[in-house]
Amino acid sequence: MPQACMAKPETRLSEILRDHLGQSASKTACGIGRCGACTVLKDSVPVNACLVMAWQVGGSDIVSPEGLDAFPETRFIRQGLVEEAAFQCGYCAPGFVVALTALLRDNPHAGEADIRAALEGNLCRCTGYHSIIRGALRAAGLLQQAHQQAAQAGRPT
């Protein structure tokens, strides 16, 4: 659902989302673009919201983790990550899900190398990455399976 607010041009997008719009799934962690906890989609591209200023978002389509349900890929991503017990504390999970949603929307046949590249800017301090990679691969497999089933049934994907 589109929302708008007024903010000073130098206000970080992460602050706008959390403080002005009440969207708290995107986390403010490092504040310098190194951890990925604040990842959102800006015009379908994953960006660190802590590095994007208000003056840079005018007219842009911003999707925070709260808005990911609009994309069918997100359901498969969440399912794959849950099935593989990808996270322990979950603090980093929204950033990973945003990055994976962007990847699988663009490349539903992503392999491990694609997934690793898409997740390079996201840090997890408690789980490590093996379960996250397994969950992402599971999600890609589920998405491909859904596309195949839709094609066999003559439905658009």
N, C-alpha and C. Protein backbone atom coordinates (compact mmCIF):
# COMPACT_ATOMS: atom_id res chain seq x y z
N MET A 1 0.84 -1.17 0.00
CA MET A 1 0.00 0.00 0.00
C MET A 1 0.90 1.24 0.00
N PRO A 2 0.78 2.11 -0.97
CA PRO A 2 1.62 3.30 -1.04
C PRO A 2 1.42 4.21 0.18
N GLN A 3 2.53 4.73 0.65
CA GLN A 3 2.53 5.69 1.75
C GLN A 3 3.48 6.82 1.40
N ALA A 4 3.21 7.98 1.96
CA ALA A 4 4.08 9.13 1.74
C ALA A 4 4.28 9.83 3.07
N CYS A 5 5.37 10.57 3.17
CA CYS A 5 5.62 11.37 4.37
C CYS A 5 6.59 12.49 4.00
N MET A 6 6.66 13.46 4.87
CA MET A 6 7.60 14.57 4.69
C MET A 6 8.81 14.30 5.57
N ALA A 7 10.00 14.53 5.02
CA ALA A 7 11.23 14.35 5.78
C ALA A 7 12.28 15.31 5.24
N LYS A 8 13.22 15.65 6.09
CA LYS A 8 14.33 16.48 5.63
C LYS A 8 15.13 15.71 4.59
N PRO A 9 15.69 16.40 3.60
CA PRO A 9 16.40 15.71 2.52
C PRO A 9 17.52 14.79 3.00
N GLU A 10 18.16 15.12 4.12
CA GLU A 10 19.28 14.32 4.61
C GLU A 10 18.86 13.17 5.53
N THR A 11 17.57 12.94 5.68
CA THR A 11 17.08 11.84 6.51
C THR A 11 17.29 10.52 5.80
N ARG A 12 17.81 9.54 6.52
CA ARG A 12 18.05 8.22 5.94
C ARG A 12 16.71 7.51 5.69
N LEU A 13 16.66 6.74 4.63
CA LEU A 13 15.47 5.97 4.33
C LEU A 13 15.14 5.02 5.48
N SER A 14 16.15 4.46 6.12
CA SER A 14 15.91 3.56 7.26
C SER A 14 15.17 4.29 8.37
N GLU A 15 15.49 5.55 8.61
CA GLU A 15 14.80 6.34 9.63
C GLU A 15 13.38 6.67 9.19
N ILE A 16 13.21 6.98 7.92
CA ILE A 16 11.87 7.28 7.41
C ILE A 16 10.95 6.08 7.61
N LEU A 17 11.44 4.91 7.23
CA LEU A 17 10.62 3.71 7.36
C LEU A 17 10.24 3.44 8.80
N ARG A 18 11.22 3.49 9.68
CA ARG A 18 10.97 3.13 11.08
C ARG A 18 10.27 4.24 11.86
N ASP A 19 10.77 5.45 11.76
CA ASP A 19 10.30 6.55 12.61
C ASP A 19 9.08 7.28 12.06
N HIS A 20 8.98 7.39 10.76
CA HIS A 20 7.88 8.14 10.16
C HIS A 20 6.72 7.25 9.71
N LEU A 21 7.06 6.02 9.27
CA LEU A 21 6.02 5.15 8.70
C LEU A 21 5.72 3.92 9.57
N GLY A 22 6.46 3.76 10.66
CA GLY A 22 6.19 2.66 11.59
C GLY A 22 6.48 1.27 11.04
N GLN A 23 7.35 1.18 10.05
CA GLN A 23 7.72 -0.10 9.48
C GLN A 23 9.05 -0.55 10.09
N SER A 24 8.98 -1.50 10.99
CA SER A 24 10.16 -1.85 11.78
C SER A 24 10.84 -3.15 11.37
N ALA A 25 10.39 -3.81 10.33
CA ALA A 25 11.03 -5.07 9.92
C ALA A 25 12.43 -4.83 9.38
N SER A 26 12.64 -3.74 8.69
CA SER A 26 13.97 -3.37 8.22
C SER A 26 14.75 -2.84 9.42
N LYS A 27 15.85 -3.49 9.74
CA LYS A 27 16.59 -3.17 10.96
C LYS A 27 17.71 -2.16 10.70
N THR A 28 17.91 -1.27 11.65
CA THR A 28 19.06 -0.37 11.60
C THR A 28 20.13 -0.99 12.49
N ALA A 29 21.17 -1.48 11.88
CA ALA A 29 22.21 -2.17 12.65
C ALA A 29 23.54 -1.40 12.54
N CYS A 30 24.30 -1.64 11.48
CA CYS A 30 25.61 -1.01 11.38
C CYS A 30 25.52 0.47 11.02
N GLY A 31 24.54 0.84 10.22
CA GLY A 31 24.38 2.23 9.81
C GLY A 31 25.36 2.70 8.75
N ILE A 32 26.19 1.79 8.24
CA ILE A 32 27.18 2.17 7.23
C ILE A 32 27.15 1.26 6.00
N GLY A 33 26.07 0.52 5.83
CA GLY A 33 25.90 -0.29 4.62
C GLY A 33 26.69 -1.57 4.56
N ARG A 34 27.11 -2.10 5.69
CA ARG A 34 27.92 -3.31 5.66
C ARG A 34 27.21 -4.58 6.08
N CYS A 35 26.02 -4.47 6.69
CA CYS A 35 25.42 -5.69 7.25
C CYS A 35 24.18 -6.17 6.50
N GLY A 36 23.47 -5.30 5.80
CA GLY A 36 22.30 -5.70 5.04
C GLY A 36 21.02 -5.84 5.84
N ALA A 37 21.05 -5.58 7.13
CA ALA A 37 19.85 -5.72 7.96
C ALA A 37 18.76 -4.73 7.56
N CYS A 38 19.14 -3.63 6.92
CA CYS A 38 18.17 -2.60 6.53
C CYS A 38 17.78 -2.68 5.06
N THR A 39 18.08 -3.79 4.41
CA THR A 39 17.83 -3.91 2.97
C THR A 39 16.35 -3.75 2.62
N VAL A 40 16.10 -2.94 1.62
CA VAL A 40 14.77 -2.74 1.04
C VAL A 40 14.92 -2.76 -0.48
N LEU A 41 13.81 -2.82 -1.17
CA LEU A 41 13.84 -2.71 -2.63
C LEU A 41 13.54 -1.27 -3.02
N LYS A 42 14.41 -0.70 -3.81
CA LYS A 42 14.20 0.64 -4.38
C LYS A 42 14.12 0.44 -5.88
N ASP A 43 12.91 0.63 -6.42
CA ASP A 43 12.68 0.38 -7.84
C ASP A 43 13.15 -1.03 -8.23
N SER A 44 12.79 -1.99 -7.40
CA SER A 44 13.05 -3.43 -7.58
C SER A 44 14.49 -3.85 -7.36
N VAL A 45 15.34 -2.96 -6.92
CA VAL A 45 16.75 -3.26 -6.68
C VAL A 45 17.02 -3.22 -5.18
N PRO A 46 17.68 -4.25 -4.63
CA PRO A 46 17.98 -4.21 -3.20
C PRO A 46 19.01 -3.13 -2.88
N VAL A 47 18.70 -2.33 -1.86
CA VAL A 47 19.61 -1.27 -1.41
C VAL A 47 19.64 -1.25 0.12
N ASN A 48 20.71 -0.74 0.66
CA ASN A 48 20.81 -0.54 2.11
C ASN A 48 20.10 0.77 2.44
N ALA A 49 19.01 0.68 3.17
CA ALA A 49 18.22 1.87 3.50
C ALA A 49 18.99 2.85 4.35
N CYS A 50 20.03 2.41 5.05
CA CYS A 50 20.82 3.33 5.86
C CYS A 50 21.70 4.23 5.01
N LEU A 51 21.88 3.89 3.73
CA LEU A 51 22.73 4.68 2.84
C LEU A 51 21.94 5.54 1.86
N VAL A 52 20.63 5.38 1.85
CA VAL A 52 19.78 6.12 0.92
C VAL A 52 19.13 7.27 1.68
N MET A 53 19.28 8.47 1.14
CA MET A 53 18.72 9.66 1.78
C MET A 53 17.37 10.01 1.17
N ALA A 54 16.59 10.75 1.93
CA ALA A 54 15.24 11.13 1.49
C ALA A 54 15.26 11.78 0.11
N TRP A 55 16.25 12.62 -0.16
CA TRP A 55 16.29 13.31 -1.44
C TRP A 55 16.47 12.34 -2.60
N GLN A 56 16.90 11.11 -2.32
CA GLN A 56 17.13 10.13 -3.38
C GLN A 56 15.92 9.25 -3.67
N VAL A 57 14.85 9.36 -2.89
CA VAL A 57 13.74 8.43 -3.06
C VAL A 57 12.49 9.05 -3.67
N GLY A 58 12.48 10.33 -3.91
CA GLY A 58 11.30 10.96 -4.51
C GLY A 58 10.92 10.28 -5.80
N GLY A 59 9.69 9.81 -5.88
CA GLY A 59 9.21 9.14 -7.09
C GLY A 59 9.63 7.69 -7.22
N SER A 60 10.37 7.18 -6.27
CA SER A 60 10.81 5.78 -6.32
C SER A 60 9.77 4.86 -5.71
N ASP A 61 9.80 3.63 -6.15
CA ASP A 61 8.97 2.58 -5.56
C ASP A 61 9.82 1.89 -4.51
N ILE A 62 9.49 2.08 -3.24
CA ILE A 62 10.23 1.48 -2.13
C ILE A 62 9.38 0.35 -1.55
N VAL A 63 9.97 -0.83 -1.44
CA VAL A 63 9.29 -1.96 -0.81
C VAL A 63 10.14 -2.40 0.37
N SER A 64 9.57 -2.27 1.55
CA SER A 64 10.24 -2.73 2.77
C SER A 64 9.85 -4.20 2.98
N PRO A 65 10.47 -4.86 3.96
CA PRO A 65 10.10 -6.26 4.21
C PRO A 65 8.59 -6.44 4.45
N GLU A 66 7.93 -5.44 5.01
CA GLU A 66 6.50 -5.54 5.24
C GLU A 66 5.71 -5.66 3.95
N GLY A 67 6.24 -5.19 2.84
CA GLY A 67 5.53 -5.21 1.56
C GLY A 67 5.84 -6.40 0.68
N LEU A 68 6.67 -7.32 1.15
CA LEU A 68 7.09 -8.43 0.30
C LEU A 68 5.99 -9.44 -0.01
N ASP A 69 4.93 -9.43 0.77
CA ASP A 69 3.84 -10.37 0.49
C ASP A 69 3.18 -10.10 -0.87
N ALA A 70 3.44 -8.95 -1.46
CA ALA A 70 2.90 -8.63 -2.78
C ALA A 70 3.56 -9.48 -3.88
N PHE A 71 4.67 -10.12 -3.56
CA PHE A 71 5.40 -10.91 -4.55
C PHE A 71 5.24 -12.41 -4.25
N PRO A 72 4.80 -13.19 -5.22
CA PRO A 72 4.61 -14.63 -4.97
C PRO A 72 5.91 -15.34 -4.60
N GLU A 73 7.03 -14.84 -5.06
CA GLU A 73 8.31 -15.48 -4.76
C GLU A 73 8.59 -15.51 -3.26
N THR A 74 8.12 -14.51 -2.55
CA THR A 74 8.42 -14.39 -1.13
C THR A 74 7.87 -15.58 -0.34
N ARG A 75 6.72 -16.07 -0.72
CA ARG A 75 6.14 -17.23 -0.02
C ARG A 75 7.08 -18.43 -0.10
N PHE A 76 7.65 -18.67 -1.28
CA PHE A 76 8.57 -19.79 -1.46
C PHE A 76 9.88 -19.56 -0.70
N ILE A 77 10.31 -18.33 -0.68
CA ILE A 77 11.55 -18.00 0.05
C ILE A 77 11.35 -18.27 1.53
N ARG A 78 10.28 -17.78 2.08
CA ARG A 78 10.02 -18.02 3.51
C ARG A 78 9.90 -19.49 3.81
N GLN A 79 9.18 -20.22 2.94
CA GLN A 79 9.01 -21.65 3.14
C GLN A 79 10.36 -22.37 3.12
N GLY A 80 11.19 -22.06 2.14
CA GLY A 80 12.50 -22.70 2.04
C GLY A 80 13.38 -22.39 3.24
N LEU A 81 13.37 -21.16 3.69
CA LEU A 81 14.19 -20.77 4.84
C LEU A 81 13.70 -21.45 6.11
N VAL A 82 12.39 -21.56 6.27
CA VAL A 82 11.84 -22.24 7.45
C VAL A 82 12.17 -23.73 7.41
N GLU A 83 11.99 -24.35 6.26
CA GLU A 83 12.26 -25.78 6.15
C GLU A 83 13.71 -26.12 6.46
N GLU A 84 14.60 -25.22 6.17
CA GLU A 84 16.03 -25.46 6.43
C GLU A 84 16.50 -24.83 7.74
N ALA A 85 15.57 -24.35 8.56
CA ALA A 85 15.92 -23.71 9.84
C ALA A 85 17.07 -22.73 9.65
N ALA A 86 16.88 -21.82 8.72
CA ALA A 86 17.95 -20.94 8.27
C ALA A 86 18.44 -19.95 9.32
N PHE A 87 17.59 -19.54 10.24
CA PHE A 87 17.98 -18.48 11.17
C PHE A 87 17.79 -18.91 12.61
N GLN A 88 18.62 -18.32 13.48
CA GLN A 88 18.44 -18.53 14.91
C GLN A 88 17.68 -17.35 15.50
N CYS A 89 18.30 -16.19 15.58
CA CYS A 89 17.63 -15.06 16.23
C CYS A 89 16.68 -14.33 15.29
N GLY A 90 16.94 -14.34 13.98
CA GLY A 90 16.06 -13.73 13.01
C GLY A 90 16.29 -12.25 12.76
N TYR A 91 17.23 -11.63 13.45
CA TYR A 91 17.46 -10.19 13.27
C TYR A 91 17.81 -9.86 11.82
N CYS A 92 18.61 -10.69 11.22
CA CYS A 92 19.07 -10.44 9.85
C CYS A 92 18.09 -10.94 8.79
N ALA A 93 17.12 -11.75 9.19
CA ALA A 93 16.23 -12.42 8.25
C ALA A 93 15.54 -11.48 7.26
N PRO A 94 14.97 -10.34 7.70
CA PRO A 94 14.30 -9.48 6.71
C PRO A 94 15.21 -9.04 5.56
N GLY A 95 16.44 -8.70 5.87
CA GLY A 95 17.37 -8.29 4.82
C GLY A 95 17.67 -9.41 3.84
N PHE A 96 17.84 -10.62 4.37
CA PHE A 96 18.07 -11.78 3.51
C PHE A 96 16.85 -12.05 2.62
N VAL A 97 15.66 -11.97 3.19
CA VAL A 97 14.44 -12.24 2.42
C VAL A 97 14.26 -11.19 1.32
N VAL A 98 14.56 -9.93 1.62
CA VAL A 98 14.47 -8.88 0.59
C VAL A 98 15.44 -9.18 -0.54
N ALA A 99 16.69 -9.48 -0.21
CA ALA A 99 17.71 -9.76 -1.24
C ALA A 99 17.31 -10.98 -2.07
N LEU A 100 16.82 -12.02 -1.42
CA LEU A 100 16.42 -13.22 -2.15
C LEU A 100 15.18 -12.97 -3.01
N THR A 101 14.27 -12.15 -2.54
CA THR A 101 13.09 -11.82 -3.35
C THR A 101 13.52 -11.12 -4.63
N ALA A 102 14.42 -10.17 -4.51
CA ALA A 102 14.90 -9.47 -5.71
C ALA A 102 15.57 -10.45 -6.67
N LEU A 103 16.39 -11.35 -6.14
CA LEU A 103 17.08 -12.31 -6.97
C LEU A 103 16.10 -13.23 -7.70
N LEU A 104 15.19 -13.86 -6.94
CA LEU A 104 14.31 -14.86 -7.55
C LEU A 104 13.23 -14.24 -8.43
N ARG A 105 12.91 -12.98 -8.22
CA ARG A 105 12.00 -12.30 -9.15
C ARG A 105 12.71 -12.11 -10.49
N ASP A 106 13.99 -11.82 -10.44
CA ASP A 106 14.77 -11.57 -11.65
C ASP A 106 15.26 -12.87 -12.28
N ASN A 107 15.58 -13.86 -11.44
CA ASN A 107 16.16 -15.11 -11.93
C ASN A 107 15.60 -16.29 -11.14
N PRO A 108 14.43 -16.80 -11.53
CA PRO A 108 13.82 -17.89 -10.78
C PRO A 108 14.62 -19.19 -10.84
N HIS A 109 15.59 -19.27 -11.72
CA HIS A 109 16.43 -20.46 -11.85
C HIS A 109 17.81 -20.25 -11.22
N ALA A 110 17.89 -19.37 -10.25
CA ALA A 110 19.17 -19.06 -9.61
C ALA A 110 19.77 -20.30 -8.97
N GLY A 111 21.06 -20.44 -9.15
CA GLY A 111 21.81 -21.52 -8.53
C GLY A 111 22.59 -21.01 -7.35
N GLU A 112 23.41 -21.86 -6.78
CA GLU A 112 24.15 -21.49 -5.58
C GLU A 112 25.06 -20.28 -5.79
N ALA A 113 25.74 -20.22 -6.91
CA ALA A 113 26.64 -19.07 -7.16
C ALA A 113 25.84 -17.77 -7.24
N ASP A 114 24.68 -17.82 -7.88
CA ASP A 114 23.82 -16.63 -7.97
C ASP A 114 23.35 -16.20 -6.58
N ILE A 115 22.95 -17.18 -5.79
CA ILE A 115 22.46 -16.90 -4.44
C ILE A 115 23.56 -16.29 -3.59
N ARG A 116 24.73 -16.89 -3.63
CA ARG A 116 25.86 -16.35 -2.84
C ARG A 116 26.18 -14.91 -3.26
N ALA A 117 26.16 -14.65 -4.55
CA ALA A 117 26.44 -13.29 -5.02
C ALA A 117 25.35 -12.31 -4.55
N ALA A 118 24.10 -12.73 -4.60
CA ALA A 118 23.00 -11.85 -4.20
C ALA A 118 23.02 -11.55 -2.71
N LEU A 119 23.59 -12.46 -1.92
CA LEU A 119 23.59 -12.31 -0.47
C LEU A 119 24.89 -11.76 0.08
N GLU A 120 25.81 -11.37 -0.78
CA GLU A 120 27.12 -10.89 -0.32
C GLU A 120 27.05 -9.75 0.68
N GLY A 121 26.08 -8.87 0.57
CA GLY A 121 26.00 -7.72 1.46
C GLY A 121 25.23 -7.97 2.74
N ASN A 122 24.83 -9.22 3.00
CA ASN A 122 24.05 -9.52 4.18
C ASN A 122 24.86 -10.36 5.17
N LEU A 123 24.89 -9.92 6.40
CA LEU A 123 25.63 -10.62 7.44
C LEU A 123 24.68 -11.31 8.41
N CYS A 124 25.07 -12.50 8.86
CA CYS A 124 24.37 -13.22 9.91
C CYS A 124 25.43 -13.53 10.96
N ARG A 125 25.20 -13.10 12.17
CA ARG A 125 26.20 -13.28 13.22
C ARG A 125 25.99 -14.53 14.07
N CYS A 126 24.83 -15.20 13.92
CA CYS A 126 24.62 -16.34 14.81
C CYS A 126 24.44 -17.68 14.10
N THR A 127 23.91 -17.70 12.90
CA THR A 127 23.64 -18.97 12.25
C THR A 127 24.80 -19.43 11.38
N GLY A 128 25.50 -18.52 10.78
CA GLY A 128 26.42 -18.89 9.72
C GLY A 128 25.61 -18.91 8.44
N TYR A 129 26.17 -19.42 7.39
CA TYR A 129 25.51 -19.26 6.10
C TYR A 129 25.05 -20.56 5.46
N HIS A 130 25.48 -21.69 5.95
CA HIS A 130 25.12 -22.96 5.30
C HIS A 130 23.61 -23.17 5.27
N SER A 131 22.95 -22.95 6.40
CA SER A 131 21.49 -23.17 6.43
C SER A 131 20.75 -22.12 5.61
N ILE A 132 21.29 -20.92 5.55
CA ILE A 132 20.67 -19.87 4.74
C ILE A 132 20.78 -20.21 3.25
N ILE A 133 21.94 -20.67 2.83
CA ILE A 133 22.15 -21.07 1.44
C ILE A 133 21.24 -22.26 1.11
N ARG A 134 21.17 -23.25 2.02
CA ARG A 134 20.28 -24.39 1.78
C ARG A 134 18.83 -23.92 1.65
N GLY A 135 18.41 -23.01 2.52
CA GLY A 135 17.04 -22.49 2.47
C GLY A 135 16.77 -21.75 1.17
N ALA A 136 17.74 -20.97 0.72
CA ALA A 136 17.59 -20.23 -0.54
C ALA A 136 17.52 -21.19 -1.73
N LEU A 137 18.35 -22.22 -1.71
CA LEU A 137 18.29 -23.23 -2.77
C LEU A 137 16.96 -23.97 -2.75
N ARG A 138 16.47 -24.27 -1.57
CA ARG A 138 15.16 -24.92 -1.43
C ARG A 138 14.08 -24.00 -1.99
N ALA A 139 14.15 -22.72 -1.67
CA ALA A 139 13.17 -21.75 -2.18
C ALA A 139 13.20 -21.69 -3.70
N ALA A 140 14.40 -21.67 -4.28
CA ALA A 140 14.51 -21.64 -5.74
C ALA A 140 13.90 -22.90 -6.34
N GLY A 141 14.13 -24.04 -5.70
CA GLY A 141 13.54 -25.29 -6.18
C GLY A 141 12.02 -25.28 -6.09
N LEU A 142 11.49 -24.77 -4.98
CA LEU A 142 10.04 -24.67 -4.82
C LEU A 142 9.42 -23.74 -5.87
N LEU A 143 10.09 -22.64 -6.14
CA LEU A 143 9.61 -21.69 -7.14
C LEU A 143 9.62 -22.32 -8.53
N GLN A 144 10.69 -23.02 -8.86
CA GLN A 144 10.77 -23.69 -10.16
C GLN A 144 9.68 -24.75 -10.30
N GLN A 145 9.45 -25.49 -9.21
CA GLN A 145 8.40 -26.51 -9.21
C GLN A 145 7.03 -25.87 -9.44
N ALA A 146 6.77 -24.74 -8.79
CA ALA A 146 5.50 -24.04 -8.97
C ALA A 146 5.34 -23.55 -10.40
N HIS A 147 6.43 -23.06 -10.99
CA HIS A 147 6.37 -22.60 -12.39
C HIS A 147 6.07 -23.78 -13.33
N GLN A 148 6.69 -24.92 -13.05
CA GLN A 148 6.45 -26.10 -13.89
C GLN A 148 5.00 -26.57 -13.77
N GLN A 149 4.47 -26.59 -12.55
CA GLN A 149 3.09 -27.00 -12.34
C GLN A 149 2.12 -26.04 -13.02
N ALA A 150 2.42 -24.75 -12.94
CA ALA A 150 1.56 -23.76 -13.58
C ALA A 150 1.59 -23.93 -15.11
N ALA A 151 2.79 -24.20 -15.65
CA ALA A 151 2.92 -24.38 -17.08
C ALA A 151 2.15 -25.62 -17.54
N GLN A 152 2.23 -26.70 -16.76
CA GLN A 152 1.51 -27.92 -17.11
C GLN A 152 -0.01 -27.72 -17.05
N ALA A 153 -0.45 -26.86 -16.14
CA ALA A 153 -1.88 -26.59 -15.99
C ALA A 153 -2.36 -25.50 -16.94
N GLY A 154 -1.42 -24.90 -17.69
CA GLY A 154 -1.77 -23.86 -18.64
C GLY A 154 -2.05 -22.52 -18.01
N ARG A 155 -1.52 -22.32 -16.77
CA ARG A 155 -1.70 -21.04 -16.08
C ARG A 155 -0.46 -20.18 -16.30
N PRO A 156 -0.63 -18.86 -16.38
CA PRO A 156 0.54 -17.98 -16.48
C PRO A 156 1.29 -17.95 -15.16
N THR A 157 2.61 -17.75 -15.24
CA THR A 157 3.43 -17.65 -14.01
C THR A 157 3.90 -16.26 -13.79
